[in-house]
Amino acid sequence: MIRINDETPTAQLQDIKIGDLVTDTFSKTGLVERIEISDDGLYRIYEFNLVTGRVIVAKR
């Protein structure tokens, strides 16, 4: 299981793939169904959509 929080390194976020089991260490845990990576000019935003319907967002 991969923990996604404020201390997760960017390299580890980039290695996450569809089907991996991830958690935000609170209430969101599940398998990754879709990954969206965007850049707003200031941050790179990682959105991990889980099969449970929840979304974990990390900004770097």
PDB file of N, CA and C in Angstrom:
ATOM      1  N   MET A   1       0.849  -1.169   0.000  1.00  0.00           N
ATOM      2  CA  MET A   1       0.000   0.000   0.000  1.00  0.00           C
ATOM      3  C   MET A   1       0.899   1.238   0.000  1.00  0.00           C
ATOM      4  N   ILE A   2       0.550   2.202  -0.824  1.00  0.00           N
ATOM      5  CA  ILE A   2       1.314   3.435  -0.953  1.00  0.00           C
ATOM      6  C   ILE A   2       0.562   4.557  -0.246  1.00  0.00           C
ATOM      7  N   ARG A   3       1.252   5.254   0.655  1.00  0.00           N
ATOM      8  CA  ARG A   3       0.638   6.382   1.353  1.00  0.00           C
ATOM      9  C   ARG A   3       0.893   7.661   0.575  1.00  0.00           C
ATOM     10  N   ILE A   4      -0.163   8.422   0.346  1.00  0.00           N
ATOM     11  CA  ILE A   4      -0.051   9.701  -0.339  1.00  0.00           C
ATOM     12  C   ILE A   4      -0.376  10.790   0.676  1.00  0.00           C
ATOM     13  N   ASN A   5       0.632  11.613   0.997  1.00  0.00           N
ATOM     14  CA  ASN A   5       0.439  12.732   1.918  1.00  0.00           C
ATOM     15  C   ASN A   5       1.392  13.856   1.529  1.00  0.00           C
ATOM     16  N   ASP A   6       1.536  14.849   2.390  1.00  0.00           N
ATOM     17  CA  ASP A   6       2.382  16.006   2.089  1.00  0.00           C
ATOM     18  C   ASP A   6       3.863  15.660   2.001  1.00  0.00           C
ATOM     19  N   GLU A   7       4.254  14.527   2.539  1.00  0.00           N
ATOM     20  CA  GLU A   7       5.664  14.144   2.548  1.00  0.00           C
ATOM     21  C   GLU A   7       6.022  13.127   1.475  1.00  0.00           C
ATOM     22  N   THR A   8       5.071  12.708   0.660  1.00  0.00           N
ATOM     23  CA  THR A   8       5.335  11.734  -0.393  1.00  0.00           C
ATOM     24  C   THR A   8       6.199  12.379  -1.475  1.00  0.00           C
ATOM     25  N   PRO A   9       7.370  11.798  -1.779  1.00  0.00           N
ATOM     26  CA  PRO A   9       8.245  12.388  -2.798  1.00  0.00           C
ATOM     27  C   PRO A   9       7.604  12.356  -4.191  1.00  0.00           C
ATOM     28  N   THR A  10       7.953  13.329  -5.011  1.00  0.00           N
ATOM     29  CA  THR A  10       7.424  13.417  -6.378  1.00  0.00           C
ATOM     30  C   THR A  10       7.744  12.160  -7.176  1.00  0.00           C
ATOM     31  N   ALA A  11       8.934  11.620  -7.006  1.00  0.00           N
ATOM     32  CA  ALA A  11       9.322  10.411  -7.741  1.00  0.00           C
ATOM     33  C   ALA A  11       8.382   9.251  -7.417  1.00  0.00           C
ATOM     34  N   GLN A  12       7.973   9.143  -6.171  1.00  0.00           N
ATOM     35  CA  GLN A  12       7.056   8.070  -5.778  1.00  0.00           C
ATOM     36  C   GLN A  12       5.664   8.309  -6.358  1.00  0.00           C
ATOM     37  N   LEU A  13       5.220   9.570  -6.408  1.00  0.00           N
ATOM     38  CA  LEU A  13       3.918   9.875  -7.006  1.00  0.00           C
ATOM     39  C   LEU A  13       3.902   9.504  -8.480  1.00  0.00           C
ATOM     40  N   GLN A  14       5.013   9.733  -9.175  1.00  0.00           N
ATOM     41  CA  GLN A  14       5.085   9.424 -10.598  1.00  0.00           C
ATOM     42  C   GLN A  14       5.129   7.922 -10.862  1.00  0.00           C
ATOM     43  N   ASP A  15       5.562   7.134  -9.878  1.00  0.00           N
ATOM     44  CA  ASP A  15       5.645   5.677 -10.044  1.00  0.00           C
ATOM     45  C   ASP A  15       4.317   4.964  -9.813  1.00  0.00           C
ATOM     46  N   ILE A  16       3.322   5.648  -9.256  1.00  0.00           N
ATOM     47  CA  ILE A  16       2.027   5.030  -8.987  1.00  0.00           C
ATOM     48  C   ILE A  16       1.334   4.753 -10.309  1.00  0.00           C
ATOM     49  N   LYS A  17       0.778   3.553 -10.433  1.00  0.00           N
ATOM     50  CA  LYS A  17       0.106   3.175 -11.677  1.00  0.00           C
ATOM     51  C   LYS A  17      -1.291   2.635 -11.386  1.00  0.00           C
ATOM     52  N   ILE A  18      -2.067   2.483 -12.423  1.00  0.00           N
ATOM     53  CA  ILE A  18      -3.434   1.970 -12.291  1.00  0.00           C
ATOM     54  C   ILE A  18      -3.380   0.574 -11.673  1.00  0.00           C
ATOM     55  N   GLY A  19      -4.224   0.353 -10.686  1.00  0.00           N
ATOM     56  CA  GLY A  19      -4.277  -0.938 -10.007  1.00  0.00           C
ATOM     57  C   GLY A  19      -3.529  -0.962  -8.685  1.00  0.00           C
ATOM     58  N   ASP A  20      -2.717   0.061  -8.412  1.00  0.00           N
ATOM     59  CA  ASP A  20      -1.995   0.129  -7.136  1.00  0.00           C
ATOM     60  C   ASP A  20      -2.962   0.454  -5.999  1.00  0.00           C
ATOM     61  N   LEU A  21      -2.676  -0.082  -4.834  1.00  0.00           N
ATOM     62  CA  LEU A  21      -3.463   0.202  -3.640  1.00  0.00           C
ATOM     63  C   LEU A  21      -2.852   1.410  -2.942  1.00  0.00           C
ATOM     64  N   VAL A  22      -3.647   2.476  -2.782  1.00  0.00           N
ATOM     65  CA  VAL A  22      -3.152   3.715  -2.176  1.00  0.00           C
ATOM     66  C   VAL A  22      -4.072   4.145  -1.043  1.00  0.00           C
ATOM     67  N   THR A  23      -3.546   5.021  -0.182  1.00  0.00           N
ATOM     68  CA  THR A  23      -4.324   5.575   0.921  1.00  0.00           C
ATOM     69  C   THR A  23      -3.863   6.999   1.196  1.00  0.00           C
ATOM     70  N   ASP A  24      -4.745   7.811   1.752  1.00  0.00           N
ATOM     71  CA  ASP A  24      -4.361   9.162   2.174  1.00  0.00           C
ATOM     72  C   ASP A  24      -4.128   9.188   3.683  1.00  0.00           C
ATOM     73  N   THR A  25      -4.081   8.033   4.305  1.00  0.00           N
ATOM     74  CA  THR A  25      -3.858   7.800   5.746  1.00  0.00           C
ATOM     75  C   THR A  25      -5.027   8.232   6.607  1.00  0.00           C
ATOM     76  N   PHE A  26      -6.132   8.696   6.015  1.00  0.00           N
ATOM     77  CA  PHE A  26      -7.316   9.044   6.789  1.00  0.00           C
ATOM     78  C   PHE A  26      -8.465   8.128   6.401  1.00  0.00           C
ATOM     79  N   SER A  27      -9.279   8.540   5.459  1.00  0.00           N
ATOM     80  CA  SER A  27     -10.473   7.775   5.132  1.00  0.00           C
ATOM     81  C   SER A  27     -10.505   7.258   3.701  1.00  0.00           C
ATOM     82  N   LYS A  28      -9.564   7.689   2.878  1.00  0.00           N
ATOM     83  CA  LYS A  28      -9.584   7.287   1.470  1.00  0.00           C
ATOM     84  C   LYS A  28      -8.552   6.198   1.223  1.00  0.00           C
ATOM     85  N   THR A  29      -9.039   5.012   0.898  1.00  0.00           N
ATOM     86  CA  THR A  29      -8.181   3.881   0.581  1.00  0.00           C
ATOM     87  C   THR A  29      -8.826   3.109  -0.552  1.00  0.00           C
ATOM     88  N   GLY A  30      -8.032   2.672  -1.509  1.00  0.00           N
ATOM     89  CA  GLY A  30      -8.583   1.885  -2.602  1.00  0.00           C
ATOM     90  C   GLY A  30      -7.597   1.702  -3.726  1.00  0.00           C
ATOM     91  N   LEU A  31      -8.057   1.003  -4.766  1.00  0.00           N
ATOM     92  CA  LEU A  31      -7.253   0.772  -5.957  1.00  0.00           C
ATOM     93  C   LEU A  31      -7.385   1.956  -6.904  1.00  0.00           C
ATOM     94  N   VAL A  32      -6.282   2.322  -7.537  1.00  0.00           N
ATOM     95  CA  VAL A  32      -6.282   3.441  -8.473  1.00  0.00           C
ATOM     96  C   VAL A  32      -6.967   3.006  -9.769  1.00  0.00           C
ATOM     97  N   GLU A  33      -7.976   3.768 -10.170  1.00  0.00           N
ATOM     98  CA  GLU A  33      -8.706   3.487 -11.404  1.00  0.00           C
ATOM     99  C   GLU A  33      -8.245   4.408 -12.542  1.00  0.00           C
ATOM    100  N   ARG A  34      -7.915   5.657 -12.177  1.00  0.00           N
ATOM    101  CA  ARG A  34      -7.497   6.622 -13.192  1.00  0.00           C
ATOM    102  C   ARG A  34      -6.555   7.635 -12.536  1.00  0.00           C
ATOM    103  N   ILE A  35      -5.571   8.099 -13.315  1.00  0.00           N
ATOM    104  CA  ILE A  35      -4.608   9.080 -12.821  1.00  0.00           C
ATOM    105  C   ILE A  35      -4.633  10.278 -13.758  1.00  0.00           C
ATOM    106  N   GLU A  36      -4.756  11.465 -13.185  1.00  0.00           N
ATOM    107  CA  GLU A  36      -4.710  12.700 -13.970  1.00  0.00           C
ATOM    108  C   GLU A  36      -3.608  13.583 -13.395  1.00  0.00           C
ATOM    109  N   ILE A  37      -2.710  14.024 -14.260  1.00  0.00           N
ATOM    110  CA  ILE A  37      -1.631  14.911 -13.840  1.00  0.00           C
ATOM    111  C   ILE A  37      -1.766  16.203 -14.629  1.00  0.00           C
ATOM    112  N   SER A  38      -1.837  17.324 -13.915  1.00  0.00           N
ATOM    113  CA  SER A  38      -1.943  18.623 -14.583  1.00  0.00           C
ATOM    114  C   SER A  38      -0.945  19.580 -13.947  1.00  0.00           C
ATOM    115  N   ASP A  39      -0.720  20.691 -14.631  1.00  0.00           N
ATOM    116  CA  ASP A  39       0.226  21.690 -14.162  1.00  0.00           C
ATOM    117  C   ASP A  39      -0.439  23.056 -14.259  1.00  0.00           C
ATOM    118  N   ASP A  40      -0.560  23.747 -13.131  1.00  0.00           N
ATOM    119  CA  ASP A  40      -1.217  25.059 -13.148  1.00  0.00           C
ATOM    120  C   ASP A  40      -0.214  26.205 -13.215  1.00  0.00           C
ATOM    121  N   GLY A  41       1.042  25.897 -13.497  1.00  0.00           N
ATOM    122  CA  GLY A  41       2.078  26.915 -13.583  1.00  0.00           C
ATOM    123  C   GLY A  41       2.855  27.072 -12.296  1.00  0.00           C
ATOM    124  N   LEU A  42       2.234  26.798 -11.195  1.00  0.00           N
ATOM    125  CA  LEU A  42       2.884  26.894  -9.893  1.00  0.00           C
ATOM    126  C   LEU A  42       3.098  25.509  -9.280  1.00  0.00           C
ATOM    127  N   TYR A  43       2.092  24.656  -9.419  1.00  0.00           N
ATOM    128  CA  TYR A  43       2.144  23.305  -8.862  1.00  0.00           C
ATOM    129  C   TYR A  43       1.877  22.273  -9.943  1.00  0.00           C
ATOM    130  N   ARG A  44       2.394  21.079  -9.711  1.00  0.00           N
ATOM    131  CA  ARG A  44       1.996  19.923 -10.496  1.00  0.00           C
ATOM    132  C   ARG A  44       0.964  19.197  -9.642  1.00  0.00           C
ATOM    133  N   ILE A  45      -0.223  18.974 -10.210  1.00  0.00           N
ATOM    134  CA  ILE A  45      -1.333  18.416  -9.445  1.00  0.00           C
ATOM    135  C   ILE A  45      -1.570  16.971  -9.883  1.00  0.00           C
ATOM    136  N   TYR A  46      -1.504  16.060  -8.917  1.00  0.00           N
ATOM    137  CA  TYR A  46      -1.740  14.639  -9.157  1.00  0.00           C
ATOM    138  C   TYR A  46      -3.106  14.292  -8.577  1.00  0.00           C
ATOM    139  N   GLU A  47      -3.998  13.773  -9.422  1.00  0.00           N
ATOM    140  CA  GLU A  47      -5.318  13.323  -8.960  1.00  0.00           C
ATOM    141  C   GLU A  47      -5.405  11.822  -9.189  1.00  0.00           C
ATOM    142  N   PHE A  48      -5.583  11.091  -8.104  1.00  0.00           N
ATOM    143  CA  PHE A  48      -5.713   9.642  -8.171  1.00  0.00           C
ATOM    144  C   PHE A  48      -7.173   9.298  -7.908  1.00  0.00           C
ATOM    145  N   ASN A  49      -7.879   8.858  -8.938  1.00  0.00           N
ATOM    146  CA  ASN A  49      -9.278   8.472  -8.825  1.00  0.00           C
ATOM    147  C   ASN A  49      -9.322   6.997  -8.449  1.00  0.00           C
ATOM    148  N   LEU A  50      -9.998   6.699  -7.351  1.00  0.00           N
ATOM    149  CA  LEU A  50     -10.056   5.333  -6.839  1.00  0.00           C
ATOM    150  C   LEU A  50     -11.324   4.630  -7.315  1.00  0.00           C
ATOM    151  N   VAL A  51     -11.311   3.307  -7.302  1.00  0.00           N
ATOM    152  CA  VAL A  51     -12.481   2.538  -7.724  1.00  0.00           C
ATOM    153  C   VAL A  51     -13.667   2.756  -6.790  1.00  0.00           C
ATOM    154  N   THR A  52     -13.398   3.268  -5.595  1.00  0.00           N
ATOM    155  CA  THR A  52     -14.470   3.554  -4.634  1.00  0.00           C
ATOM    156  C   THR A  52     -15.189   4.856  -4.949  1.00  0.00           C
ATOM    157  N   GLY A  53     -14.693   5.614  -5.934  1.00  0.00           N
ATOM    158  CA  GLY A  53     -15.285   6.885  -6.295  1.00  0.00           C
ATOM    159  C   GLY A  53     -14.635   8.079  -5.637  1.00  0.00           C
ATOM    160  N   ARG A  54     -13.742   7.843  -4.718  1.00  0.00           N
ATOM    161  CA  ARG A  54     -13.053   8.939  -4.036  1.00  0.00           C
ATOM    162  C   ARG A  54     -11.831   9.381  -4.844  1.00  0.00           C
ATOM    163  N   VAL A  55     -11.358  10.584  -4.553  1.00  0.00           N
ATOM    164  CA  VAL A  55     -10.207  11.153  -5.263  1.00  0.00           C
ATOM    165  C   VAL A  55      -9.181  11.632  -4.231  1.00  0.00           C
ATOM    166  N   ILE A  56      -7.922  11.244  -4.431  1.00  0.00           N
ATOM    167  CA  ILE A  56      -6.822  11.738  -3.605  1.00  0.00           C
ATOM    168  C   ILE A  56      -6.042  12.727  -4.460  1.00  0.00           C
ATOM    169  N   VAL A  57      -5.856  13.944  -3.960  1.00  0.00           N
ATOM    170  CA  VAL A  57      -5.154  15.001  -4.690  1.00  0.00           C
ATOM    171  C   VAL A  57      -3.860  15.344  -3.950  1.00  0.00           C
ATOM    172  N   ALA A  58      -2.786  15.441  -4.718  1.00  0.00           N
ATOM    173  CA  ALA A  58      -1.489  15.851  -4.158  1.00  0.00           C
ATOM    174  C   ALA A  58      -0.925  16.951  -5.043  1.00  0.00           C
ATOM    175  N   LYS A  59      -0.432  18.029  -4.414  1.00  0.00           N
ATOM    176  CA  LYS A  59       0.175  19.141  -5.157  1.00  0.00           C
ATOM    177  C   LYS A  59       1.660  19.191  -4.838  1.00  0.00           C
ATOM    178  N   ARG A  60       2.470  19.317  -5.857  1.00  0.00           N
ATOM    179  CA  ARG A  60       3.931  19.429  -5.687  1.00  0.00           C
ATOM    180  C   ARG A  60       4.460  20.535  -6.545  1.00  0.00           C
TER     181      ARG A  60
END
